[in-house]
Structures are given as structure tokens and as C-alpha cells.
């Protein structure tokens, strides 16, 4: 199987790393309404903790669109390997912490 991402320039998982040790890395993610997180890859399993919820859409590298409403206080677990971008399609600012499990 060919890695279709090897020629792509991928962005970071979040805007800023707010904590990291040998077991976890915690990213700050903030998206204003209409703002998009660039195409990125998740190399580790991770949790997303929504601090301020929003209506988001995940678009995978193969073009699949997934509605991802994330309410404030919600927690989601995801397996590694995903290559996608995240867009806030709602009218509220999205604020989250993404915790990568190393």
C-alpha cells in the first residue's frame, strides 16, 4: 500500500503544545467560526476534550465528510492513522485540548 501523504505538506495537530512528557502530548486547538485546521496526520491514539463546543466537519484525505458536533465538556477517543482537516462550520468558537497518547 502506497503512502499518499508522503508528498503532501501536513500541518500540526493543533496550534500549540501546552504540555508534553514521555507519555502524552497535549495540544491547544482553537477555531473561530469558519476557520479550518490544516490537513494533518494523527500518529498516536488520542482524546479530544471540548472546552467550548462547536459544530465541526472532518474532511478526510480521501474526501469523506464527517459531521462532528462537539458539545462543551464532551470527550472523544480516536485511533491513530487519520489524515484529515477540521473545519468549524458553526457560529461559536471551538476550543479544545487534544491529548495524544504516546
C-alpha atoms as a PDB file:
ATOM      1  CA  UNK A   1       0.000   0.000   0.000  1.00  0.00           C
ATOM      2  CA  UNK A   2       1.388   3.394  -1.001  1.00  0.00           C
ATOM      3  CA  UNK A   3       1.514   6.274   1.482  1.00  0.00           C
ATOM      4  CA  UNK A   4      -0.414   9.036  -0.309  1.00  0.00           C
ATOM      5  CA  UNK A   5       0.740  11.616   2.245  1.00  0.00           C
ATOM      6  CA  UNK A   6       4.486  11.364   1.559  1.00  0.00           C
ATOM      7  CA  UNK A   7       4.411  14.257  -0.958  1.00  0.00           C
ATOM      8  CA  UNK A   8       1.961  16.394   0.998  1.00  0.00           C
ATOM      9  CA  UNK A   9       2.957  19.087   3.432  1.00  0.00           C
ATOM     10  CA  UNK A  10       0.949  18.324   6.536  1.00  0.00           C
ATOM     11  CA  UNK A  11       0.228  20.831   9.266  1.00  0.00           C
ATOM     12  CA  UNK A  12       0.481  20.329  13.011  1.00  0.00           C
ATOM     13  CA  UNK A  13      -2.241  18.571  15.013  1.00  0.00           C
ATOM     14  CA  UNK A  14      -3.039  21.805  16.895  1.00  0.00           C
ATOM     15  CA  UNK A  15      -1.878  25.393  17.232  1.00  0.00           C
ATOM     16  CA  UNK A  16       0.336  24.922  20.274  1.00  0.00           C
ATOM     17  CA  UNK A  17       1.694  22.164  22.504  1.00  0.00           C
ATOM     18  CA  UNK A  18       0.668  23.092  26.053  1.00  0.00           C
ATOM     19  CA  UNK A  19       2.154  20.049  27.815  1.00  0.00           C
ATOM     20  CA  UNK A  20       4.405  17.146  26.874  1.00  0.00           C
ATOM     21  CA  UNK A  21       6.226  14.329  28.618  1.00  0.00           C
ATOM     22  CA  UNK A  22       7.279  10.797  27.651  1.00  0.00           C
ATOM     23  CA  UNK A  23       3.659   9.508  27.807  1.00  0.00           C
ATOM     24  CA  UNK A  24       1.414  12.280  26.456  1.00  0.00           C
ATOM     25  CA  UNK A  25       1.417  15.410  24.318  1.00  0.00           C
ATOM     26  CA  UNK A  26      -1.381  17.950  24.822  1.00  0.00           C
ATOM     27  CA  UNK A  27      -2.341  20.346  22.013  1.00  0.00           C
ATOM     28  CA  UNK A  28      -4.368  23.565  22.209  1.00  0.00           C
ATOM     29  CA  UNK A  29      -6.918  23.861  19.392  1.00  0.00           C
ATOM     30  CA  UNK A  30      -8.990  26.968  18.748  1.00  0.00           C
ATOM     31  CA  UNK A  31     -11.120  27.514  15.658  1.00  0.00           C
ATOM     32  CA  UNK A  32     -13.270  30.588  15.121  1.00  0.00           C
ATOM     33  CA  UNK A  33     -16.465  30.111  13.097  1.00  0.00           C
ATOM     34  CA  UNK A  34     -15.452  29.276   9.523  1.00  0.00           C
ATOM     35  CA  UNK A  35     -11.824  28.607  10.462  1.00  0.00           C
ATOM     36  CA  UNK A  36     -10.078  25.396   9.359  1.00  0.00           C
ATOM     37  CA  UNK A  37      -7.320  23.315  10.917  1.00  0.00           C
ATOM     38  CA  UNK A  38      -4.909  22.341   8.086  1.00  0.00           C
ATOM     39  CA  UNK A  39      -4.550  18.816   6.769  1.00  0.00           C
ATOM     40  CA  UNK A  40      -2.669  16.822   9.405  1.00  0.00           C
ATOM     41  CA  UNK A  41      -1.937  13.236  10.466  1.00  0.00           C
ATOM     42  CA  UNK A  42      -2.530  11.581  13.810  1.00  0.00           C
ATOM     43  CA  UNK A  43       0.383   9.231  14.544  1.00  0.00           C
ATOM     44  CA  UNK A  44      -0.828   8.386  18.067  1.00  0.00           C
ATOM     45  CA  UNK A  45      -4.172   7.408  19.610  1.00  0.00           C
ATOM     46  CA  UNK A  46      -5.775  10.489  21.113  1.00  0.00           C
ATOM     47  CA  UNK A  47      -8.565  12.043  23.149  1.00  0.00           C
ATOM     48  CA  UNK A  48     -10.275  15.309  22.260  1.00  0.00           C
ATOM     49  CA  UNK A  49     -11.736  17.284  25.172  1.00  0.00           C
ATOM     50  CA  UNK A  50     -14.047  20.092  24.025  1.00  0.00           C
ATOM     51  CA  UNK A  51     -13.794  23.093  26.342  1.00  0.00           C
ATOM     52  CA  UNK A  52     -16.059  25.276  24.199  1.00  0.00           C
ATOM     53  CA  UNK A  53     -18.140  23.193  21.819  1.00  0.00           C
ATOM     54  CA  UNK A  54     -18.935  23.837  18.172  1.00  0.00           C
ATOM     55  CA  UNK A  55     -20.371  22.253  15.060  1.00  0.00           C
ATOM     56  CA  UNK A  56     -17.373  20.863  13.184  1.00  0.00           C
ATOM     57  CA  UNK A  57     -16.801  18.917   9.995  1.00  0.00           C
ATOM     58  CA  UNK A  58     -13.943  16.475   9.491  1.00  0.00           C
ATOM     59  CA  UNK A  59     -12.785  16.064   5.899  1.00  0.00           C
ATOM     60  CA  UNK A  60     -10.530  13.061   5.319  1.00  0.00           C
ATOM     61  CA  UNK A  61      -7.730  12.932   2.781  1.00  0.00           C
ATOM     62  CA  UNK A  62      -9.919  10.772   0.514  1.00  0.00           C
ATOM     63  CA  UNK A  63     -12.698  13.391   0.547  1.00  0.00           C
ATOM     64  CA  UNK A  64     -15.039  11.797   3.078  1.00  0.00           C
ATOM     65  CA  UNK A  65     -17.002  14.396   5.053  1.00  0.00           C
ATOM     66  CA  UNK A  66     -17.939  13.567   8.646  1.00  0.00           C
ATOM     67  CA  UNK A  67     -20.185  15.796  10.770  1.00  0.00           C
ATOM     68  CA  UNK A  68     -18.553  16.150  14.184  1.00  0.00           C
ATOM     69  CA  UNK A  69     -20.710  18.113  16.593  1.00  0.00           C
ATOM     70  CA  UNK A  70     -18.624  18.515  19.721  1.00  0.00           C
ATOM     71  CA  UNK A  71     -20.530  19.798  22.767  1.00  0.00           C
ATOM     72  CA  UNK A  72     -18.744  21.621  25.577  1.00  0.00           C
ATOM     73  CA  UNK A  73     -17.371  19.077  28.028  1.00  0.00           C
ATOM     74  CA  UNK A  74     -17.529  16.250  25.502  1.00  0.00           C
ATOM     75  CA  UNK A  75     -14.689  13.749  25.228  1.00  0.00           C
ATOM     76  CA  UNK A  76     -13.949  11.637  22.144  1.00  0.00           C
ATOM     77  CA  UNK A  77     -11.359   8.870  21.676  1.00  0.00           C
ATOM     78  CA  UNK A  78      -9.864   8.219  18.236  1.00  0.00           C
ATOM     79  CA  UNK A  79      -7.387   5.639  16.936  1.00  0.00           C
ATOM     80  CA  UNK A  80      -4.172   6.752  15.183  1.00  0.00           C
ATOM     81  CA  UNK A  81      -3.668   6.920  11.442  1.00  0.00           C
ATOM     82  CA  UNK A  82      -6.214   9.516  10.400  1.00  0.00           C
ATOM     83  CA  UNK A  83      -5.215  12.186   7.891  1.00  0.00           C
ATOM     84  CA  UNK A  84      -7.809  14.935   7.810  1.00  0.00           C
ATOM     85  CA  UNK A  85      -8.663  18.573   8.337  1.00  0.00           C
ATOM     86  CA  UNK A  86     -11.180  20.047  10.750  1.00  0.00           C
ATOM     87  CA  UNK A  87     -13.472  22.980   9.952  1.00  0.00           C
ATOM     88  CA  UNK A  88     -15.696  24.868  12.376  1.00  0.00           C
ATOM     89  CA  UNK A  89     -18.931  25.240  10.390  1.00  0.00           C
ATOM     90  CA  UNK A  90     -20.912  26.561  13.347  1.00  0.00           C
ATOM     91  CA  UNK A  91     -21.368  30.040  14.756  1.00  0.00           C
ATOM     92  CA  UNK A  92     -19.445  29.567  18.016  1.00  0.00           C
ATOM     93  CA  UNK A  93     -15.702  29.404  18.672  1.00  0.00           C
ATOM     94  CA  UNK A  94     -14.362  25.888  19.162  1.00  0.00           C
ATOM     95  CA  UNK A  95     -11.797  25.417  21.930  1.00  0.00           C
ATOM     96  CA  UNK A  96     -10.347  22.014  22.777  1.00  0.00           C
ATOM     97  CA  UNK A  97      -7.428  20.092  24.200  1.00  0.00           C
ATOM     98  CA  UNK A  98      -6.220  17.127  22.171  1.00  0.00           C
ATOM     99  CA  UNK A  99      -4.299  14.587  24.235  1.00  0.00           C
ATOM    100  CA  UNK A 100      -2.021  12.274  22.237  1.00  0.00           C
ATOM    101  CA  UNK A 101      -1.145   9.021  23.989  1.00  0.00           C
ATOM    102  CA  UNK A 102       2.450   8.060  23.157  1.00  0.00           C
END
